[in-house]
């Protein structure tokens, strides 16, 4: 290896290290006291071949109903399943509205920072790696409980949000819809260097160019899952450009019409009275197939709304911020798990 190659390798490692510092929370930000984690999750030791070597936990709601939906909830880097359960408020929502929550958990043996490997080719294909492990967890729940297999959803934050995109792309026949918090489009970057670079700048592709990356993941020809995106405009770890590209990716799946996104968009500013929150929906064939919530002042954090009202949930932490809006609750609204007759917020 000559001197020039050594210098180039050093530069690449510096880039990767710098971005990893963003991922694990070393960038300057307001530090929050982490909530106490005391949550009743059930551990499942054997749920399939588990090629991705993940751990599985699930939450069973207090009141069980037949044909209950399933929500798969994917944590971010440096988090555990229990951390994410508490911060997101998913278990509280499960008790209120009657669904099971599956919590895949990454091992530090697989990723030093406990990130799901959304950028590794072997973990984001349909058969194999972490994607298959998560699919096997869903199959385990469907076999064990009386669930509604037409109401299976997936969501996640940051690396978990990126892995949500992976699951929607690789197993579209399994998931009715997904909600991505501060995530990344499917195959925005393959390999650590390209993946970490995509966090800062995913590049700009057309909806059909983005959608083709998803179509190549399977032979699926049915109705594509719906998508809800939550992202902070001030996110300095996963640039908000990723939200725009993710929106384009799923619009491209739901329609092949090449119409400027601004012509599709239905915009509602200061949505539900939350200052700086804009909801943008894209009605396609009378269905809001893609919905995007952008928070003007939010950084790299999960939007939460601590409290006991029916529309509230979650707890503040380093990567969870109280913005008077629960992304978990509104994901359920978009998925129609919460009855339409229920008022969104107490006015």
Protein backbone atom coordinates (compact mmCIF):
# COMPACT_ATOMS: atom_id res chain seq x y z
CA UNK A 1 0.00 0.00 0.00
CA UNK A 2 1.52 3.32 -1.07
CA UNK A 3 1.42 6.60 0.82
CA UNK A 4 -1.52 7.96 -1.20
CA UNK A 5 -3.66 4.89 -0.45
CA UNK A 6 -2.86 5.13 3.25
CA UNK A 7 -3.93 8.79 3.32
CA UNK A 8 -7.20 7.96 1.49
CA UNK A 9 -7.97 5.14 3.94
CA UNK A 10 -7.33 7.41 6.90
CA UNK A 11 -9.70 10.01 5.42
CA UNK A 12 -12.41 7.37 4.97
CA UNK A 13 -12.08 6.18 8.56
CA UNK A 14 -12.23 9.78 9.79
CA UNK A 15 -15.51 10.28 7.89
CA UNK A 16 -17.00 7.08 9.30
CA UNK A 17 -15.87 7.89 12.84
CA UNK A 18 -17.28 11.43 12.63
CA UNK A 19 -20.67 10.21 11.47
CA UNK A 20 -20.73 7.50 14.12
CA UNK A 21 -20.29 10.22 16.69
CA UNK A 22 -23.52 11.76 15.39
CA UNK A 23 -25.22 8.37 15.58
CA UNK A 24 -24.25 7.57 19.16
CA UNK A 25 -25.10 10.99 20.49
CA UNK A 26 -21.75 12.73 20.85
CA UNK A 27 -22.87 15.74 18.85
CA UNK A 28 -23.65 18.84 20.95
CA UNK A 29 -27.24 18.73 22.17
CA UNK A 30 -29.33 19.15 25.24
CA UNK A 31 -28.95 16.06 27.41
CA UNK A 32 -32.05 14.62 29.03
CA UNK A 33 -32.27 12.49 32.11
CA UNK A 34 -33.17 9.03 30.84
CA UNK A 35 -36.48 7.68 32.18
CA UNK A 36 -36.37 4.68 34.46
CA UNK A 37 -36.86 1.53 32.41
CA UNK A 38 -39.32 -0.80 34.11
CA UNK A 39 -41.40 -2.47 31.46
CA UNK A 40 -43.04 -5.90 31.28
CA UNK A 41 -41.70 -7.40 28.06
CA UNK A 42 -41.79 -11.13 27.35
CA UNK A 43 -38.57 -12.68 26.05
CA UNK A 44 -38.72 -15.26 23.26
CA UNK A 45 -35.63 -17.43 22.98
CA UNK A 46 -36.60 -19.44 19.89
CA UNK A 47 -38.72 -17.96 17.11
CA UNK A 48 -37.16 -19.37 13.92
CA UNK A 49 -33.78 -19.77 12.30
CA UNK A 50 -32.91 -16.17 13.25
CA UNK A 51 -30.18 -15.61 10.63
CA UNK A 52 -29.67 -12.03 11.84
CA UNK A 53 -28.96 -13.17 15.42
CA UNK A 54 -31.41 -10.68 16.91
CA UNK A 55 -33.23 -10.87 20.24
CA UNK A 56 -37.02 -10.88 20.43
CA UNK A 57 -39.37 -9.35 23.00
CA UNK A 58 -43.06 -8.65 22.86
CA UNK A 59 -45.73 -6.84 24.86
CA UNK A 60 -49.17 -8.33 25.41
CA UNK A 61 -51.90 -5.76 26.14
CA UNK A 62 -53.83 -5.98 29.41
CA UNK A 63 -57.09 -6.67 27.62
CA UNK A 64 -56.77 -9.25 24.85
CA UNK A 65 -59.12 -9.25 21.92
CA UNK A 66 -59.29 -11.67 19.02
CA UNK A 67 -58.01 -10.51 15.66
CA UNK A 68 -55.71 -8.00 17.34
CA UNK A 69 -53.25 -6.00 15.20
CA UNK A 70 -49.47 -6.30 15.57
CA UNK A 71 -47.02 -3.39 15.67
CA UNK A 72 -43.31 -4.12 15.22
CA UNK A 73 -41.28 -1.38 16.98
CA UNK A 74 -37.58 -0.95 16.15
CA UNK A 75 -35.27 0.96 18.49
CA UNK A 76 -32.50 3.36 17.54
CA UNK A 77 -28.73 3.12 18.05
CA UNK A 78 -27.50 2.73 21.65
CA UNK A 79 -31.07 1.91 22.72
CA UNK A 80 -32.67 -1.32 23.92
CA UNK A 81 -36.15 -2.65 23.29
CA UNK A 82 -37.13 -1.60 26.83
CA UNK A 83 -35.74 1.93 26.32
CA UNK A 84 -37.76 2.35 23.16
CA UNK A 85 -40.90 0.90 24.73
CA UNK A 86 -40.81 3.50 27.50
CA UNK A 87 -39.78 6.49 25.39
CA UNK A 88 -42.22 5.82 22.53
CA UNK A 89 -45.19 4.92 24.72
CA UNK A 90 -46.09 1.94 22.53
CA UNK A 91 -47.07 -0.29 25.46
CA UNK A 92 -49.42 2.36 26.84
CA UNK A 93 -51.03 2.66 23.42
CA UNK A 94 -51.31 -1.14 23.20
CA UNK A 95 -53.25 -1.24 26.47
CA UNK A 96 -55.58 1.52 25.30
CA UNK A 97 -56.29 0.25 21.82
CA UNK A 98 -55.69 -3.52 22.00
CA UNK A 99 -52.74 -4.65 19.88
CA UNK A 100 -49.52 -6.60 20.36
CA UNK A 101 -46.11 -4.94 20.15
CA UNK A 102 -43.05 -6.85 18.94
CA UNK A 103 -39.66 -5.45 19.90
CA UNK A 104 -36.67 -6.82 17.97
CA UNK A 105 -33.42 -5.95 19.75
CA UNK A 106 -29.96 -5.66 18.23
CA UNK A 107 -26.89 -7.23 19.84
CA UNK A 108 -23.59 -5.42 20.20
CA UNK A 109 -22.00 -8.53 18.69
CA UNK A 110 -23.72 -7.56 15.44
CA UNK A 111 -23.19 -3.81 15.69
CA UNK A 112 -20.99 -2.10 18.28
CA UNK A 113 -23.55 0.68 18.83
CA UNK A 114 -26.60 -1.61 18.79
CA UNK A 115 -27.81 -0.15 15.48
CA UNK A 116 -29.81 -2.32 13.14
CA UNK A 117 -27.63 -2.90 10.07
CA UNK A 118 -29.86 -1.12 7.56
CA UNK A 119 -26.86 -0.49 5.28
CA UNK A 120 -25.50 -4.06 5.08
CA UNK A 121 -26.54 -6.00 1.97
CA UNK A 122 -26.76 -9.29 3.86
CA UNK A 123 -29.20 -7.85 6.42
CA UNK A 124 -31.61 -6.03 4.12
CA UNK A 125 -32.47 -8.70 1.56
CA UNK A 126 -35.72 -10.64 1.60
CA UNK A 127 -34.27 -13.99 2.62
CA UNK A 128 -31.52 -13.74 5.21
CA UNK A 129 -29.98 -11.57 7.87
CA UNK A 130 -31.81 -9.20 10.18
CA UNK A 131 -34.78 -8.64 7.86
CA UNK A 132 -35.62 -12.34 7.87
CA UNK A 133 -35.21 -12.51 11.66
CA UNK A 134 -37.78 -9.74 12.10
CA UNK A 135 -40.12 -11.47 9.65
CA UNK A 136 -39.82 -14.66 11.71
CA UNK A 137 -40.81 -12.75 14.85
CA UNK A 138 -44.03 -11.67 13.13
CA UNK A 139 -44.71 -15.27 12.08
CA UNK A 140 -44.16 -16.41 15.66
CA UNK A 141 -46.78 -13.94 16.94
CA UNK A 142 -49.27 -14.96 14.26
CA UNK A 143 -48.87 -18.61 15.24
CA UNK A 144 -49.06 -18.01 18.99
CA UNK A 145 -51.95 -15.52 19.19
CA UNK A 146 -55.21 -14.80 17.40
CA UNK A 147 -54.13 -11.78 15.41
CA UNK A 148 -55.40 -9.93 12.37
CA UNK A 149 -52.80 -10.67 9.72
CA UNK A 150 -54.25 -7.89 7.57
CA UNK A 151 -53.30 -5.39 10.28
CA UNK A 152 -49.58 -5.83 10.81
CA UNK A 153 -47.51 -2.64 10.93
CA UNK A 154 -43.88 -1.67 11.48
CA UNK A 155 -42.27 1.45 12.90
CA UNK A 156 -38.95 2.65 14.25
CA UNK A 157 -36.68 5.53 15.12
CA UNK A 158 -33.36 6.47 13.46
CA UNK A 159 -31.58 3.18 12.63
CA UNK A 160 -34.89 1.54 13.54
CA UNK A 161 -36.61 3.92 11.15
CA UNK A 162 -34.19 2.94 8.40
CA UNK A 163 -34.88 -0.72 9.21
CA UNK A 164 -38.59 0.02 8.95
CA UNK A 165 -37.98 1.03 5.33
CA UNK A 166 -36.14 -2.27 4.87
CA UNK A 167 -39.07 -4.32 6.20
CA UNK A 168 -41.63 -2.51 4.04
CA UNK A 169 -39.42 -3.10 0.99
CA UNK A 170 -38.51 -6.74 1.60
CA UNK A 171 -41.83 -8.05 2.98
CA UNK A 172 -44.55 -5.78 1.52
CA UNK A 173 -47.09 -8.62 1.61
CA UNK A 174 -46.71 -8.83 5.40
CA UNK A 175 -47.06 -5.18 6.41
CA UNK A 176 -50.16 -3.08 5.83
CA UNK A 177 -48.24 0.10 6.60
CA UNK A 178 -45.24 1.62 8.31
CA UNK A 179 -44.17 4.72 10.20
CA UNK A 180 -40.60 5.98 9.91
CA UNK A 181 -39.20 8.36 12.52
CA UNK A 182 -35.96 10.11 11.44
CA UNK A 183 -35.17 7.31 9.02
CA UNK A 184 -33.75 6.72 5.58
CA UNK A 185 -35.05 5.41 2.22
CA UNK A 186 -34.46 1.77 1.33
CA UNK A 187 -31.00 1.28 -0.17
CA UNK A 188 -30.04 4.95 0.08
CA UNK A 189 -26.51 3.71 0.74
CA UNK A 190 -25.01 0.21 0.78
CA UNK A 191 -22.01 -0.42 3.00
CA UNK A 192 -21.03 1.55 6.09
CA UNK A 193 -19.35 4.46 4.32
CA UNK A 194 -22.13 4.96 1.76
CA UNK A 195 -24.84 4.42 4.36
CA UNK A 196 -23.41 6.91 6.80
CA UNK A 197 -22.92 9.39 3.99
CA UNK A 198 -26.58 9.01 3.01
CA UNK A 199 -27.54 10.10 6.50
CA UNK A 200 -26.12 13.51 5.70
CA UNK A 201 -27.04 13.65 2.00
CA UNK A 202 -29.05 10.87 0.32
CA UNK A 203 -28.91 12.54 -3.08
CA UNK A 204 -31.95 13.44 -5.15
CA UNK A 205 -33.64 10.79 -7.30
CA UNK A 206 -37.00 10.72 -9.03
CA UNK A 207 -39.89 8.85 -7.39
CA UNK A 208 -39.56 6.02 -9.91
CA UNK A 209 -35.80 5.75 -9.42
CA UNK A 210 -36.32 5.45 -5.66
CA UNK A 211 -39.24 3.06 -6.07
CA UNK A 212 -37.24 0.76 -8.35
CA UNK A 213 -34.86 -0.01 -5.48
CA UNK A 214 -37.84 -1.36 -3.56
CA UNK A 215 -39.35 -3.26 -6.49
CA UNK A 216 -36.05 -5.08 -6.97
CA UNK A 217 -36.23 -6.44 -3.41
CA UNK A 218 -39.06 -8.89 -4.16
CA UNK A 219 -41.39 -10.15 -6.86
CA UNK A 220 -44.37 -8.54 -5.13
CA UNK A 221 -47.09 -7.16 -7.42
CA UNK A 222 -49.85 -6.36 -4.94
CA UNK A 223 -50.92 -3.20 -3.14
CA UNK A 224 -47.96 -1.49 -1.49
CA UNK A 225 -47.94 -0.60 2.21
CA UNK A 226 -48.88 2.91 3.23
CA UNK A 227 -46.18 5.13 4.70
CA UNK A 228 -46.14 7.74 7.46
CA UNK A 229 -42.98 9.78 7.99
CA UNK A 230 -42.04 11.87 11.05
CA UNK A 231 -38.89 14.01 10.83
CA UNK A 232 -37.40 17.09 12.46
CA UNK A 233 -36.22 19.87 10.16
CA UNK A 234 -33.28 20.52 12.52
CA UNK A 235 -32.08 16.90 12.53
CA UNK A 236 -28.27 17.04 12.35
CA UNK A 237 -27.78 13.26 12.48
CA UNK A 238 -30.19 12.16 9.74
CA UNK A 239 -30.73 15.07 7.39
CA UNK A 240 -34.35 15.92 6.68
CA UNK A 241 -33.59 15.43 2.97
CA UNK A 242 -34.01 11.73 3.74
CA UNK A 243 -37.66 12.29 4.61
CA UNK A 244 -38.26 13.91 1.23
CA UNK A 245 -36.55 11.05 -0.60
CA UNK A 246 -38.48 8.46 1.42
CA UNK A 247 -41.75 10.19 0.54
CA UNK A 248 -40.75 10.08 -3.13
CA UNK A 249 -39.85 6.38 -2.88
CA UNK A 250 -43.31 5.38 -1.70
CA UNK A 251 -45.18 7.75 -3.97
CA UNK A 252 -43.29 6.07 -6.79
CA UNK A 253 -44.54 2.70 -5.59
CA UNK A 254 -48.17 3.79 -5.37
CA UNK A 255 -48.29 5.56 -8.75
CA UNK A 256 -46.18 5.72 -11.88
CA UNK A 257 -47.49 9.15 -12.82
CA UNK A 258 -44.60 11.61 -12.99
CA UNK A 259 -46.30 14.64 -11.46
CA UNK A 260 -44.40 17.18 -9.31
CA UNK A 261 -44.89 16.41 -5.62
CA UNK A 262 -46.15 19.92 -4.96
CA UNK A 263 -49.16 19.16 -7.17
CA UNK A 264 -49.97 16.03 -5.15
CA UNK A 265 -49.49 17.62 -1.77
CA UNK A 266 -52.27 18.56 0.62
CA UNK A 267 -50.67 20.71 3.33
CA UNK A 268 -51.93 21.46 6.84
CA UNK A 269 -49.68 23.85 8.79
CA UNK A 270 -49.64 24.04 12.59
CA UNK A 271 -51.45 20.72 12.52
CA UNK A 272 -53.65 20.01 15.57
CA UNK A 273 -52.57 23.37 16.99
CA UNK A 274 -48.91 22.30 17.29
CA UNK A 275 -46.83 25.32 16.24
CA UNK A 276 -44.28 24.51 13.58
CA UNK A 277 -45.77 21.10 12.72
CA UNK A 278 -46.77 20.62 9.09
CA UNK A 279 -48.73 17.59 7.90
CA UNK A 280 -48.44 16.89 4.18
CA UNK A 281 -50.55 14.13 2.65
CA UNK A 282 -50.44 12.71 -0.86
CA UNK A 283 -53.87 11.37 -1.86
CA UNK A 284 -53.50 8.65 -4.49
CA UNK A 285 -56.65 6.97 -5.82
CA UNK A 286 -58.69 8.38 -2.91
CA UNK A 287 -56.24 6.99 -0.35
CA UNK A 288 -53.70 8.93 1.71
CA UNK A 289 -50.99 6.46 0.78
CA UNK A 290 -48.15 8.67 2.00
CA UNK A 291 -48.26 11.19 4.87
CA UNK A 292 -45.37 13.33 6.07
CA UNK A 293 -45.17 15.17 9.40
CA UNK A 294 -42.34 17.73 9.55
CA UNK A 295 -41.43 19.45 12.84
CA UNK A 296 -39.86 22.84 12.25
CA UNK A 297 -37.85 23.03 15.50
CA UNK A 298 -37.18 19.33 16.17
CA UNK A 299 -33.73 17.79 15.96
CA UNK A 300 -32.83 14.09 16.00
CA UNK A 301 -35.52 12.89 18.37
CA UNK A 302 -38.76 10.96 18.63
CA UNK A 303 -41.80 13.27 18.95
CA UNK A 304 -43.62 12.47 22.20
CA UNK A 305 -46.40 13.93 24.33
CA UNK A 306 -46.10 12.72 27.95
CA UNK A 307 -49.39 12.55 29.78
CA UNK A 308 -52.41 10.40 30.51
CA UNK A 309 -54.92 11.66 27.95
CA UNK A 310 -55.88 9.23 25.19
CA UNK A 311 -53.84 11.09 22.58
CA UNK A 312 -50.74 11.29 24.79
CA UNK A 313 -47.81 8.94 25.31
CA UNK A 314 -44.09 8.49 25.68
CA UNK A 315 -41.40 10.02 27.90
CA UNK A 316 -38.66 12.53 27.26
CA UNK A 317 -35.08 11.32 26.93
CA UNK A 318 -31.97 12.24 24.98
CA UNK A 319 -33.63 11.08 21.76
CA UNK A 320 -37.26 11.70 22.66
CA UNK A 321 -38.61 15.24 22.87
CA UNK A 322 -41.89 16.55 24.24
CA UNK A 323 -43.47 18.48 21.37
CA UNK A 324 -47.12 18.09 22.50
CA UNK A 325 -47.54 15.46 19.81
CA UNK A 326 -47.21 11.67 20.10
CA UNK A 327 -45.89 10.13 16.90
CA UNK A 328 -47.00 6.72 18.17
CA UNK A 329 -50.59 7.89 18.61
CA UNK A 330 -50.70 9.51 15.19
CA UNK A 331 -49.18 6.48 13.51
CA UNK A 332 -52.10 4.49 14.96
CA UNK A 333 -54.50 7.11 13.60
CA UNK A 334 -52.99 6.85 10.13
CA UNK A 335 -53.22 3.04 10.31
CA UNK A 336 -56.86 3.26 11.44
CA UNK A 337 -56.21 1.18 14.54
CA UNK A 338 -57.73 4.02 16.53
CA UNK A 339 -61.45 4.41 15.71
CA UNK A 340 -62.38 7.41 13.61
CA UNK A 341 -65.02 8.33 16.17
CA UNK A 342 -62.33 9.04 18.79
CA UNK A 343 -61.47 12.71 19.07
CA UNK A 344 -57.85 13.40 18.14
CA UNK A 345 -57.17 15.75 21.03
CA UNK A 346 -59.05 17.16 23.97
CA UNK A 347 -59.65 20.77 23.01
